[in-house]
Amino acid sequence: MISITEWQKIGVGITGFGIFFILFGILLYFDSVLLAFGNLLFLSGLSFIIGLRRTFSFFFQRHKLKGTSFFLGGVVIVLLRWPLLGMFLESYGFFSLFKSFFPMAFGFLGTTFDIPFLSALFRRLQGTSSMV
């Protein structure tokens, strides 16, 4: 049984606020202060959820170094007040880091929501073409 600690609950809240500030910063025409604050909250919340050791081991695996460098480089560029370029670098790094997670997420969404068109779309994005 997985026990959720208080630190993980705090981490989920911090990560949620980070995502909110990132989306709000994008909505306000790439406001660099909101994006930088959202980035810092997102990264700190992630380290609260999975721990510092696992966070560092996730970001600094040999096959994920390219995505990590783009993601963290984008965070630094946003902190230096170049938000548009930083967000492009961050989004490329994010997709490069989490590309192995997307098929599992699409599969989960395809089985969770029983909407005919969306279920078929999520199954196609997952990579399976079998109709259940």
N, C-alpha and C. Protein backbone atom coordinates (compact mmCIF):
# COMPACT_ATOMS: atom_id res chain seq x y z
N MET A 1 0.85 -1.18 0.00
CA MET A 1 0.00 0.00 0.00
C MET A 1 0.89 1.24 0.00
N ILE A 2 0.57 2.16 -0.84
CA ILE A 2 1.34 3.39 -0.94
C ILE A 2 0.78 4.39 0.06
N SER A 3 1.64 4.88 0.90
CA SER A 3 1.21 5.87 1.88
C SER A 3 1.60 7.26 1.39
N ILE A 4 0.63 8.14 1.38
CA ILE A 4 0.86 9.51 0.93
C ILE A 4 1.16 10.35 2.17
N THR A 5 2.32 10.95 2.18
CA THR A 5 2.72 11.75 3.32
C THR A 5 2.20 13.18 3.18
N GLU A 6 2.35 13.91 4.24
CA GLU A 6 1.95 15.32 4.21
C GLU A 6 2.80 16.11 3.22
N TRP A 7 4.08 15.75 3.09
CA TRP A 7 4.96 16.46 2.16
C TRP A 7 4.49 16.28 0.73
N GLN A 8 4.00 15.08 0.41
CA GLN A 8 3.50 14.84 -0.94
C GLN A 8 2.23 15.63 -1.21
N LYS A 9 1.37 15.76 -0.21
CA LYS A 9 0.16 16.56 -0.38
C LYS A 9 0.52 18.03 -0.60
N ILE A 10 1.49 18.52 0.15
CA ILE A 10 1.96 19.89 -0.04
C ILE A 10 2.57 20.04 -1.44
N GLY A 11 3.31 19.03 -1.88
CA GLY A 11 3.92 19.06 -3.20
C GLY A 11 2.90 19.10 -4.32
N VAL A 12 1.80 18.38 -4.16
CA VAL A 12 0.74 18.42 -5.17
C VAL A 12 0.15 19.82 -5.25
N GLY A 13 -0.06 20.44 -4.10
CA GLY A 13 -0.58 21.81 -4.09
C GLY A 13 0.38 22.80 -4.73
N ILE A 14 1.66 22.67 -4.40
CA ILE A 14 2.67 23.57 -4.96
C ILE A 14 2.78 23.37 -6.47
N THR A 15 2.76 22.13 -6.91
CA THR A 15 2.82 21.85 -8.34
C THR A 15 1.59 22.39 -9.06
N GLY A 16 0.42 22.25 -8.43
CA GLY A 16 -0.80 22.81 -9.02
C GLY A 16 -0.73 24.32 -9.15
N PHE A 17 -0.23 24.98 -8.12
CA PHE A 17 -0.06 26.43 -8.22
C PHE A 17 0.96 26.79 -9.30
N GLY A 18 2.00 25.98 -9.43
CA GLY A 18 2.99 26.24 -10.48
C GLY A 18 2.39 26.16 -11.86
N ILE A 19 1.59 25.12 -12.09
CA ILE A 19 0.93 24.98 -13.40
C ILE A 19 -0.05 26.14 -13.62
N PHE A 20 -0.76 26.54 -12.56
CA PHE A 20 -1.67 27.68 -12.68
C PHE A 20 -0.93 28.94 -13.07
N PHE A 21 0.20 29.23 -12.40
CA PHE A 21 0.95 30.44 -12.71
C PHE A 21 1.55 30.39 -14.11
N ILE A 22 1.97 29.21 -14.55
CA ILE A 22 2.49 29.09 -15.91
C ILE A 22 1.39 29.38 -16.93
N LEU A 23 0.23 28.77 -16.74
CA LEU A 23 -0.88 29.01 -17.67
C LEU A 23 -1.36 30.45 -17.62
N PHE A 24 -1.39 31.04 -16.42
CA PHE A 24 -1.80 32.43 -16.28
C PHE A 24 -0.77 33.36 -16.91
N GLY A 25 0.51 33.03 -16.80
CA GLY A 25 1.55 33.82 -17.43
C GLY A 25 1.48 33.75 -18.95
N ILE A 26 1.12 32.59 -19.49
CA ILE A 26 0.93 32.46 -20.93
C ILE A 26 -0.29 33.25 -21.37
N LEU A 27 -1.35 33.19 -20.56
CA LEU A 27 -2.57 33.92 -20.89
C LEU A 27 -2.34 35.43 -20.91
N LEU A 28 -1.47 35.91 -20.07
CA LEU A 28 -1.17 37.35 -20.01
C LEU A 28 0.03 37.69 -20.90
N TYR A 29 0.04 37.10 -22.08
CA TYR A 29 1.05 37.39 -23.11
C TYR A 29 2.48 37.17 -22.62
N PHE A 30 2.71 36.00 -22.08
CA PHE A 30 4.04 35.57 -21.65
C PHE A 30 4.66 36.55 -20.65
N ASP A 31 3.93 36.78 -19.56
CA ASP A 31 4.45 37.61 -18.48
C ASP A 31 5.60 36.86 -17.81
N SER A 32 6.79 37.43 -17.86
CA SER A 32 7.98 36.70 -17.43
C SER A 32 8.00 36.44 -15.93
N VAL A 33 7.43 37.33 -15.13
CA VAL A 33 7.43 37.13 -13.68
C VAL A 33 6.53 35.96 -13.30
N LEU A 34 5.33 35.90 -13.88
CA LEU A 34 4.43 34.78 -13.58
C LEU A 34 4.99 33.46 -14.09
N LEU A 35 5.61 33.47 -15.27
CA LEU A 35 6.20 32.24 -15.79
C LEU A 35 7.35 31.76 -14.93
N ALA A 36 8.20 32.68 -14.49
CA ALA A 36 9.33 32.31 -13.65
C ALA A 36 8.84 31.77 -12.31
N PHE A 37 7.84 32.43 -11.73
CA PHE A 37 7.29 31.95 -10.46
C PHE A 37 6.65 30.58 -10.63
N GLY A 38 5.93 30.39 -11.73
CA GLY A 38 5.32 29.09 -12.00
C GLY A 38 6.35 28.00 -12.20
N ASN A 39 7.44 28.32 -12.89
CA ASN A 39 8.50 27.33 -13.08
C ASN A 39 9.12 26.91 -11.76
N LEU A 40 9.42 27.89 -10.92
CA LEU A 40 10.02 27.56 -9.62
C LEU A 40 9.06 26.76 -8.75
N LEU A 41 7.78 27.11 -8.76
CA LEU A 41 6.81 26.34 -7.98
C LEU A 41 6.65 24.93 -8.54
N PHE A 42 6.62 24.79 -9.86
CA PHE A 42 6.47 23.46 -10.46
C PHE A 42 7.65 22.55 -10.10
N LEU A 43 8.86 23.06 -10.22
CA LEU A 43 10.03 22.23 -9.92
C LEU A 43 10.13 21.91 -8.43
N SER A 44 9.83 22.88 -7.58
CA SER A 44 9.88 22.59 -6.14
C SER A 44 8.77 21.64 -5.73
N GLY A 45 7.58 21.77 -6.32
CA GLY A 45 6.50 20.84 -6.01
C GLY A 45 6.81 19.43 -6.47
N LEU A 46 7.45 19.31 -7.62
CA LEU A 46 7.85 17.99 -8.10
C LEU A 46 8.84 17.33 -7.15
N SER A 47 9.76 18.13 -6.63
CA SER A 47 10.72 17.55 -5.69
C SER A 47 10.06 17.20 -4.35
N PHE A 48 9.00 17.91 -3.95
CA PHE A 48 8.26 17.53 -2.76
C PHE A 48 7.51 16.23 -2.98
N ILE A 49 6.97 16.02 -4.18
CA ILE A 49 6.15 14.84 -4.44
C ILE A 49 7.00 13.58 -4.50
N ILE A 50 8.07 13.60 -5.29
CA ILE A 50 8.83 12.37 -5.49
C ILE A 50 10.16 12.36 -4.74
N GLY A 51 10.52 13.44 -4.10
CA GLY A 51 11.76 13.50 -3.33
C GLY A 51 12.91 14.06 -4.16
N LEU A 52 13.88 14.61 -3.46
CA LEU A 52 15.01 15.23 -4.15
C LEU A 52 15.86 14.22 -4.92
N ARG A 53 16.13 13.08 -4.31
CA ARG A 53 16.97 12.08 -4.97
C ARG A 53 16.33 11.57 -6.24
N ARG A 54 15.04 11.25 -6.19
CA ARG A 54 14.35 10.76 -7.39
C ARG A 54 14.21 11.85 -8.44
N THR A 55 14.03 13.09 -8.00
CA THR A 55 13.94 14.19 -8.96
C THR A 55 15.24 14.34 -9.72
N PHE A 56 16.36 14.34 -8.99
CA PHE A 56 17.66 14.45 -9.66
C PHE A 56 17.95 13.23 -10.53
N SER A 57 17.58 12.03 -10.05
CA SER A 57 17.84 10.85 -10.88
C SER A 57 16.95 10.82 -12.12
N PHE A 58 15.73 11.41 -12.04
CA PHE A 58 14.87 11.48 -13.22
C PHE A 58 15.44 12.45 -14.25
N PHE A 59 15.81 13.64 -13.80
CA PHE A 59 16.26 14.66 -14.74
C PHE A 59 17.64 14.38 -15.31
N PHE A 60 18.49 13.70 -14.58
CA PHE A 60 19.87 13.54 -15.02
C PHE A 60 20.21 12.12 -15.44
N GLN A 61 19.25 11.39 -16.00
CA GLN A 61 19.55 10.11 -16.63
C GLN A 61 20.22 10.39 -17.96
N ARG A 62 21.08 9.49 -18.38
CA ARG A 62 21.88 9.72 -19.58
C ARG A 62 21.00 9.93 -20.82
N HIS A 63 19.95 9.15 -20.98
CA HIS A 63 19.13 9.29 -22.18
C HIS A 63 18.16 10.46 -22.11
N LYS A 64 18.07 11.14 -20.96
CA LYS A 64 17.18 12.29 -20.83
C LYS A 64 17.94 13.60 -20.68
N LEU A 65 19.24 13.58 -20.89
CA LEU A 65 20.04 14.80 -20.69
C LEU A 65 19.69 15.90 -21.71
N LYS A 66 19.35 15.52 -22.92
CA LYS A 66 18.98 16.51 -23.93
C LYS A 66 17.70 17.24 -23.52
N GLY A 67 16.69 16.49 -23.11
CA GLY A 67 15.45 17.10 -22.66
C GLY A 67 15.63 17.92 -21.40
N THR A 68 16.46 17.42 -20.50
CA THR A 68 16.74 18.17 -19.27
C THR A 68 17.44 19.48 -19.55
N SER A 69 18.40 19.45 -20.46
CA SER A 69 19.13 20.68 -20.77
C SER A 69 18.21 21.71 -21.42
N PHE A 70 17.32 21.27 -22.30
CA PHE A 70 16.38 22.20 -22.91
C PHE A 70 15.38 22.73 -21.88
N PHE A 71 14.88 21.84 -21.01
CA PHE A 71 13.89 22.27 -20.02
C PHE A 71 14.51 23.24 -19.02
N LEU A 72 15.62 22.86 -18.41
CA LEU A 72 16.25 23.74 -17.41
C LEU A 72 16.85 24.98 -18.06
N GLY A 73 17.33 24.86 -19.30
CA GLY A 73 17.79 26.04 -20.03
C GLY A 73 16.65 27.00 -20.29
N GLY A 74 15.47 26.47 -20.60
CA GLY A 74 14.30 27.32 -20.79
C GLY A 74 13.90 28.03 -19.50
N VAL A 75 14.02 27.32 -18.37
CA VAL A 75 13.72 27.95 -17.08
C VAL A 75 14.67 29.11 -16.83
N VAL A 76 15.96 28.90 -17.11
CA VAL A 76 16.95 29.96 -16.92
C VAL A 76 16.67 31.14 -17.86
N ILE A 77 16.32 30.85 -19.11
CA ILE A 77 16.02 31.91 -20.07
C ILE A 77 14.79 32.72 -19.62
N VAL A 78 13.78 32.03 -19.07
CA VAL A 78 12.61 32.75 -18.56
C VAL A 78 13.01 33.61 -17.36
N LEU A 79 13.87 33.09 -16.49
CA LEU A 79 14.33 33.88 -15.35
C LEU A 79 15.13 35.09 -15.79
N LEU A 80 15.76 35.02 -16.96
CA LEU A 80 16.51 36.15 -17.50
C LEU A 80 15.62 37.09 -18.32
N ARG A 81 14.30 36.89 -18.24
CA ARG A 81 13.28 37.74 -18.86
C ARG A 81 13.26 37.67 -20.39
N TRP A 82 13.42 36.48 -20.92
CA TRP A 82 13.17 36.20 -22.33
C TRP A 82 12.08 35.12 -22.37
N PRO A 83 10.84 35.48 -22.07
CA PRO A 83 9.83 34.45 -21.83
C PRO A 83 9.44 33.63 -23.05
N LEU A 84 9.35 34.24 -24.23
CA LEU A 84 8.90 33.50 -25.40
C LEU A 84 9.90 32.41 -25.79
N LEU A 85 11.16 32.79 -25.88
CA LEU A 85 12.19 31.82 -26.20
C LEU A 85 12.31 30.75 -25.11
N GLY A 86 12.23 31.18 -23.86
CA GLY A 86 12.32 30.24 -22.74
C GLY A 86 11.20 29.22 -22.74
N MET A 87 9.99 29.67 -23.04
CA MET A 87 8.86 28.74 -23.05
C MET A 87 8.94 27.77 -24.23
N PHE A 88 9.46 28.21 -25.37
CA PHE A 88 9.68 27.28 -26.47
C PHE A 88 10.70 26.21 -26.09
N LEU A 89 11.79 26.63 -25.47
CA LEU A 89 12.80 25.67 -25.04
C LEU A 89 12.24 24.72 -23.97
N GLU A 90 11.49 25.28 -23.04
CA GLU A 90 10.90 24.46 -21.98
C GLU A 90 9.92 23.44 -22.53
N SER A 91 9.07 23.86 -23.46
CA SER A 91 8.08 22.92 -23.98
C SER A 91 8.74 21.80 -24.78
N TYR A 92 9.80 22.11 -25.54
CA TYR A 92 10.51 21.04 -26.23
C TYR A 92 11.16 20.09 -25.22
N GLY A 93 11.77 20.64 -24.19
CA GLY A 93 12.37 19.81 -23.16
C GLY A 93 11.35 18.98 -22.40
N PHE A 94 10.17 19.57 -22.13
CA PHE A 94 9.11 18.85 -21.42
C PHE A 94 8.63 17.66 -22.24
N PHE A 95 8.37 17.88 -23.52
CA PHE A 95 7.92 16.77 -24.37
C PHE A 95 9.02 15.73 -24.54
N SER A 96 10.26 16.16 -24.59
CA SER A 96 11.36 15.21 -24.70
C SER A 96 11.53 14.40 -23.41
N LEU A 97 11.32 15.02 -22.27
CA LEU A 97 11.45 14.32 -20.99
C LEU A 97 10.31 13.33 -20.75
N PHE A 98 9.10 13.73 -21.07
CA PHE A 98 7.93 12.93 -20.72
C PHE A 98 7.34 12.19 -21.90
N LYS A 99 8.10 11.98 -22.99
CA LYS A 99 7.53 11.32 -24.16
C LYS A 99 7.18 9.86 -23.91
N SER A 100 7.84 9.22 -22.97
CA SER A 100 7.50 7.83 -22.66
C SER A 100 6.25 7.74 -21.79
N PHE A 101 5.84 8.84 -21.18
CA PHE A 101 4.66 8.85 -20.33
C PHE A 101 3.38 9.07 -21.11
N PHE A 102 3.45 9.73 -22.25
CA PHE A 102 2.25 10.11 -23.00
C PHE A 102 1.41 8.92 -23.46
N PRO A 103 1.98 7.82 -23.99
CA PRO A 103 1.11 6.69 -24.38
C PRO A 103 0.32 6.12 -23.21
N MET A 104 0.94 6.06 -22.02
CA MET A 104 0.23 5.55 -20.85
C MET A 104 -0.89 6.50 -20.45
N ALA A 105 -0.64 7.82 -20.51
CA ALA A 105 -1.67 8.79 -20.16
C ALA A 105 -2.82 8.75 -21.15
N PHE A 106 -2.52 8.62 -22.45
CA PHE A 106 -3.59 8.54 -23.45
C PHE A 106 -4.38 7.25 -23.29
N GLY A 107 -3.71 6.17 -22.94
CA GLY A 107 -4.42 4.91 -22.68
C GLY A 107 -5.35 5.03 -21.50
N PHE A 108 -4.89 5.69 -20.44
CA PHE A 108 -5.73 5.90 -19.26
C PHE A 108 -6.94 6.77 -19.60
N LEU A 109 -6.71 7.84 -20.35
CA LEU A 109 -7.82 8.71 -20.73
C LEU A 109 -8.81 7.99 -21.65
N GLY A 110 -8.30 7.11 -22.51
CA GLY A 110 -9.18 6.37 -23.41
C GLY A 110 -10.06 5.39 -22.68
N THR A 111 -9.57 4.81 -21.59
CA THR A 111 -10.40 3.87 -20.84
C THR A 111 -11.27 4.56 -19.80
N THR A 112 -10.87 5.75 -19.38
CA THR A 112 -11.64 6.45 -18.36
C THR A 112 -12.90 7.07 -18.93
N PHE A 113 -12.75 7.77 -20.03
CA PHE A 113 -13.89 8.44 -20.64
C PHE A 113 -14.46 7.55 -21.73
N ASP A 114 -15.74 7.22 -21.62
CA ASP A 114 -16.37 6.33 -22.59
C ASP A 114 -17.14 7.15 -23.62
N ILE A 115 -16.46 8.11 -24.21
CA ILE A 115 -17.04 8.92 -25.27
C ILE A 115 -16.53 8.34 -26.58
N PRO A 116 -17.41 7.94 -27.50
CA PRO A 116 -16.97 7.17 -28.67
C PRO A 116 -15.84 7.80 -29.47
N PHE A 117 -15.96 9.02 -29.87
CA PHE A 117 -14.92 9.64 -30.70
C PHE A 117 -13.63 9.82 -29.92
N LEU A 118 -13.73 10.32 -28.68
CA LEU A 118 -12.52 10.57 -27.89
C LEU A 118 -11.81 9.27 -27.52
N SER A 119 -12.55 8.22 -27.21
CA SER A 119 -11.92 6.94 -26.87
C SER A 119 -11.12 6.40 -28.05
N ALA A 120 -11.69 6.50 -29.26
CA ALA A 120 -10.97 6.05 -30.44
C ALA A 120 -9.73 6.91 -30.70
N LEU A 121 -9.86 8.22 -30.47
CA LEU A 121 -8.72 9.12 -30.65
C LEU A 121 -7.62 8.82 -29.65
N PHE A 122 -7.97 8.62 -28.38
CA PHE A 122 -6.96 8.32 -27.37
C PHE A 122 -6.29 6.97 -27.63
N ARG A 123 -7.07 5.98 -28.11
CA ARG A 123 -6.47 4.69 -28.45
C ARG A 123 -5.49 4.84 -29.61
N ARG A 124 -5.84 5.68 -30.58
CA ARG A 124 -4.94 5.90 -31.72
C ARG A 124 -3.67 6.61 -31.26
N LEU A 125 -3.81 7.61 -30.37
CA LEU A 125 -2.64 8.30 -29.85
C LEU A 125 -1.77 7.41 -28.98
N GLN A 126 -2.41 6.45 -28.32
CA GLN A 126 -1.67 5.50 -27.51
C GLN A 126 -0.85 4.56 -28.37
N GLY A 127 -1.32 4.28 -29.55
CA GLY A 127 -0.58 3.41 -30.44
C GLY A 127 -1.25 2.08 -30.69
N THR A 128 -2.38 1.82 -30.03
CA THR A 128 -3.11 0.57 -30.27
C THR A 128 -4.28 0.88 -31.17
N SER A 129 -4.53 0.01 -32.10
CA SER A 129 -5.64 0.24 -33.03
C SER A 129 -6.79 -0.73 -32.79
N SER A 130 -6.70 -1.54 -31.73
CA SER A 130 -7.77 -2.52 -31.47
C SER A 130 -8.97 -1.81 -30.89
N MET A 131 -10.12 -2.11 -31.44
CA MET A 131 -11.37 -1.56 -30.95
C MET A 131 -11.98 -2.53 -29.98
N VAL A 132 -12.25 -2.06 -28.79
CA VAL A 132 -12.83 -2.92 -27.75
C VAL A 132 -14.29 -2.64 -27.65
